[in-house]
Amino acid sequence: MAKTVSAPRRQPPYHHGNLAQALVAAGLEMATEGGPEALSLREAARRAGVSPTAAYRHFEDRDALVMAVKVAVLAQLGAALRAATRSRLPSGLDDSERARQRLIGIGRAYVDFAIANPGRYRMIFAEATFPSDRLQGEDGKDAGESPYGILGEVLDQMVVASALDPERRTGAEIPMWALVHGLSSLILEGPYQQLPRREQTALVQSALELVVSGL
């Protein structure tokens, strides 16, 4: 049975010079509805209540809007990972185990974000840019914390807590990043999408524990 698709909610017209932010907000709506393929600078302008000409004053083409929306999504994912680092852990854990649990926690947060926001999650891979430690918005200002930077920070904390051998620290982001991306893809688009959510959660937890113990 075909799903009923509601009409996209139009953004309030911009004011006080925040058109760039309004266009990015419209882009986030479109990404939620259909991933990076759904983005259109003309449609973003319509939703923001301005002419396409006004939109082109801030973004020279669709690719520029895609990158700005990608940065916004990365900032949202970064905020979710940062919240995970601040989650309360069981009492009685030593520093080493606390560091390991923090790494597992941000891994779960990554996959949870992907499952809850599949369209936006796909924006992260819309352009083949390597992740950086900081995010820069379309205005050149700091746009928030990078998920990759937070991962590096947590891995550094593991070294300090003697949970990770300093000689194995270099490049440790790669297996963790590959794991959470792979798990997200298997759940969103692969064979695990048919599993009950509880089983998906258990699978993610088990895989994270295995890789973290290997580190």
Protein backbone atom coordinates (compact mmCIF):
# COMPACT_ATOMS: atom_id res chain seq x y z
CA MET A 1 0.00 0.00 0.00
CA ALA A 2 1.38 3.40 -0.94
CA LYS A 3 2.13 5.70 1.95
CA THR A 4 0.40 9.04 2.17
CA VAL A 5 2.93 11.86 2.03
CA SER A 6 1.90 15.08 3.68
CA ALA A 7 2.73 18.40 2.09
CA PRO A 8 6.05 19.84 3.28
CA ARG A 9 5.73 22.37 6.05
CA ARG A 10 6.78 25.80 4.84
CA GLN A 11 9.34 27.73 6.82
CA PRO A 12 8.32 31.15 8.13
CA PRO A 13 9.73 33.95 5.95
CA TYR A 14 13.19 34.99 7.05
CA HIS A 15 13.87 38.31 8.71
CA HIS A 16 16.74 40.33 10.13
CA GLY A 17 19.27 38.91 7.69
CA ASN A 18 19.10 35.24 8.72
CA LEU A 19 18.27 33.95 5.24
CA ALA A 20 21.23 31.57 5.17
CA GLN A 21 20.03 29.87 8.34
CA ALA A 22 16.47 29.71 6.98
CA LEU A 23 17.71 28.04 3.81
CA VAL A 24 19.71 25.49 5.80
CA ALA A 25 16.63 24.81 7.96
CA ALA A 26 14.63 24.20 4.79
CA GLY A 27 17.41 21.93 3.56
CA LEU A 28 17.24 19.94 6.78
CA GLU A 29 13.51 19.45 6.23
CA MET A 30 14.11 18.17 2.72
CA ALA A 31 16.90 15.90 3.94
CA THR A 32 14.54 14.46 6.54
CA GLU A 33 12.00 13.74 3.82
CA GLY A 34 14.32 12.20 1.26
CA GLY A 35 18.02 12.42 2.02
CA PRO A 36 20.52 14.39 -0.08
CA GLU A 37 18.69 13.65 -3.34
CA ALA A 38 15.72 15.68 -2.10
CA LEU A 39 17.70 18.91 -1.73
CA SER A 40 16.97 21.72 -4.14
CA LEU A 41 18.08 25.32 -3.78
CA ARG A 42 14.94 26.53 -5.53
CA GLU A 43 12.72 24.50 -3.18
CA ALA A 44 14.69 25.71 -0.16
CA ALA A 45 14.03 29.27 -1.30
CA ARG A 46 10.32 28.53 -1.68
CA ARG A 47 10.11 27.09 1.81
CA ALA A 48 11.99 30.05 3.24
CA GLY A 49 9.57 32.39 1.51
CA VAL A 50 12.06 34.11 -0.79
CA SER A 51 12.92 34.14 -4.48
CA PRO A 52 15.57 31.81 -5.93
CA THR A 53 17.61 34.90 -6.74
CA ALA A 54 17.78 35.79 -3.04
CA ALA A 55 18.88 32.24 -2.20
CA TYR A 56 21.72 32.39 -4.73
CA ARG A 57 23.17 35.37 -2.90
CA HIS A 58 24.04 32.99 -0.06
CA PHE A 59 24.65 29.70 -1.88
CA GLU A 60 26.11 29.78 -5.35
CA ASP A 61 24.67 26.39 -6.27
CA ARG A 62 22.99 23.28 -4.93
CA ASP A 63 26.32 21.74 -3.90
CA ALA A 64 26.97 24.67 -1.57
CA LEU A 65 23.60 24.12 0.12
CA VAL A 66 24.28 20.40 0.40
CA MET A 67 27.56 21.08 2.20
CA ALA A 68 25.90 23.54 4.58
CA VAL A 69 23.16 21.04 5.43
CA LYS A 70 25.78 18.33 5.86
CA VAL A 71 27.63 20.49 8.39
CA ALA A 72 24.36 21.13 10.24
CA VAL A 73 23.64 17.38 10.44
CA LEU A 74 27.18 16.66 11.64
CA ALA A 75 26.69 19.26 14.37
CA GLN A 76 23.46 17.52 15.43
CA LEU A 77 25.21 14.15 15.50
CA GLY A 78 28.08 15.73 17.42
CA ALA A 79 25.64 17.05 20.00
CA ALA A 80 24.16 13.56 20.40
CA LEU A 81 27.63 12.07 20.92
CA ARG A 82 28.59 14.79 23.37
CA ALA A 83 25.42 14.08 25.37
CA ALA A 84 26.42 10.41 25.46
CA THR A 85 29.81 11.28 26.96
CA ARG A 86 27.99 13.01 29.81
CA SER A 87 25.62 10.13 30.56
CA ARG A 88 25.78 8.74 34.06
CA LEU A 89 27.73 5.49 34.33
CA PRO A 90 27.27 2.79 36.98
CA SER A 91 29.11 3.45 40.21
CA GLY A 92 32.09 1.33 41.14
CA LEU A 93 33.78 1.36 37.72
CA ASP A 94 37.49 2.08 37.61
CA ASP A 95 38.85 4.75 35.25
CA SER A 96 39.76 2.20 32.60
CA GLU A 97 36.30 0.67 32.46
CA ARG A 98 34.64 4.07 32.56
CA ALA A 99 36.66 5.09 29.49
CA ARG A 100 35.62 1.92 27.67
CA GLN A 101 31.96 2.46 28.53
CA ARG A 102 32.18 6.04 27.29
CA LEU A 103 33.43 4.80 23.93
CA ILE A 104 30.66 2.22 23.75
CA GLY A 105 28.17 4.95 24.67
CA ILE A 106 29.09 7.23 21.80
CA GLY A 107 28.98 4.24 19.46
CA ARG A 108 25.41 3.54 20.52
CA ALA A 109 24.54 7.22 20.16
CA TYR A 110 25.86 7.24 16.59
CA VAL A 111 23.75 4.26 15.54
CA ASP A 112 20.70 5.56 17.40
CA PHE A 113 20.99 8.88 15.57
CA ALA A 114 21.21 7.11 12.21
CA ILE A 115 18.15 4.96 12.92
CA ALA A 116 16.10 7.89 14.18
CA ASN A 117 17.15 10.22 11.34
CA PRO A 118 17.83 8.12 8.22
CA GLY A 119 17.41 10.94 5.73
CA ARG A 120 19.61 13.35 7.63
CA TYR A 121 22.14 10.63 8.38
CA ARG A 122 22.64 10.05 4.65
CA MET A 123 23.59 13.72 4.32
CA ILE A 124 26.84 12.97 6.15
CA PHE A 125 28.06 11.06 3.09
CA ALA A 126 26.64 13.41 0.46
CA GLU A 127 30.07 14.84 -0.30
CA ALA A 128 33.33 12.90 -0.14
CA THR A 129 35.00 15.13 2.41
CA PHE A 130 37.11 13.64 5.18
CA PRO A 131 35.79 14.38 8.68
CA SER A 132 37.58 17.08 10.64
CA ASP A 133 37.86 17.78 14.35
CA ARG A 134 35.83 20.99 14.10
CA LEU A 135 32.89 22.09 11.97
CA GLN A 136 32.77 25.35 10.04
CA GLY A 137 29.46 26.91 9.00
CA GLU A 138 28.67 28.73 5.77
CA ASP A 139 29.59 31.99 7.48
CA GLY A 140 33.05 30.68 8.35
CA LYS A 141 32.27 30.49 12.06
CA ASP A 142 32.50 27.50 14.37
CA ALA A 143 29.38 25.42 13.72
CA GLY A 144 29.69 22.92 16.54
CA GLU A 145 31.56 19.82 17.57
CA SER A 146 32.51 17.23 15.00
CA PRO A 147 31.55 13.60 15.75
CA TYR A 148 35.01 12.59 14.56
CA GLY A 149 36.62 15.04 16.96
CA ILE A 150 34.58 13.69 19.87
CA LEU A 151 35.59 10.14 18.96
CA GLY A 152 39.24 11.19 19.00
CA GLU A 153 38.79 12.86 22.38
CA VAL A 154 37.25 9.73 23.90
CA LEU A 155 40.03 7.58 22.50
CA ASP A 156 42.60 9.96 24.01
CA GLN A 157 40.84 9.60 27.36
CA MET A 158 41.16 5.83 27.04
CA VAL A 159 44.92 6.19 26.68
CA VAL A 160 45.06 8.37 29.82
CA ALA A 161 42.96 5.80 31.69
CA SER A 162 45.23 2.93 30.56
CA ALA A 163 42.34 1.40 28.60
CA LEU A 164 44.16 1.78 25.29
CA ASP A 165 47.84 1.18 24.57
CA PRO A 166 49.39 4.47 23.37
CA GLU A 167 51.06 2.56 20.53
CA ARG A 168 47.63 1.54 19.23
CA ARG A 169 46.10 4.98 19.51
CA THR A 170 47.07 6.19 16.04
CA GLY A 171 44.28 5.38 13.61
CA ALA A 172 42.02 3.91 16.28
CA GLU A 173 39.19 6.10 14.96
CA ILE A 174 39.00 4.02 11.80
CA PRO A 175 37.76 0.68 13.20
CA MET A 176 35.24 2.43 15.45
CA TRP A 177 33.98 4.65 12.64
CA ALA A 178 33.77 1.69 10.26
CA LEU A 179 31.88 -0.35 12.85
CA VAL A 180 29.17 2.17 13.68
CA HIS A 181 28.71 3.12 10.03
CA GLY A 182 28.48 -0.52 9.04
CA LEU A 183 25.98 -1.30 11.80
CA SER A 184 23.89 1.72 10.83
CA SER A 185 23.83 0.65 7.18
CA LEU A 186 22.94 -2.95 8.02
CA ILE A 187 20.03 -1.79 10.15
CA LEU A 188 18.77 0.94 7.81
CA GLU A 189 19.25 -0.79 4.46
CA GLY A 190 20.48 -4.33 5.09
CA PRO A 191 19.29 -7.60 6.60
CA TYR A 192 19.02 -6.27 10.13
CA GLN A 193 16.27 -3.80 9.28
CA GLN A 194 13.71 -6.58 9.77
CA LEU A 195 14.82 -7.32 13.33
CA PRO A 196 12.80 -6.00 16.27
CA ARG A 197 14.32 -2.84 17.71
CA ARG A 198 15.29 -4.68 20.90
CA GLU A 199 17.34 -7.22 18.93
CA GLN A 200 18.98 -4.44 16.92
CA THR A 201 20.00 -2.73 20.16
CA ALA A 202 21.46 -5.96 21.56
CA LEU A 203 23.37 -6.59 18.34
CA VAL A 204 24.87 -3.09 18.39
CA GLN A 205 25.87 -3.45 22.05
CA SER A 206 27.52 -6.81 21.45
CA ALA A 207 29.48 -5.58 18.43
CA LEU A 208 30.67 -2.46 20.24
CA GLU A 209 31.82 -4.43 23.27
CA LEU A 210 33.75 -6.83 21.02
CA VAL A 211 35.58 -4.08 19.12
CA VAL A 212 36.28 -1.98 22.21
CA SER A 213 37.74 -5.02 23.98
CA GLY A 214 39.92 -5.56 20.91
CA LEU A 215 41.24 -2.02 21.16
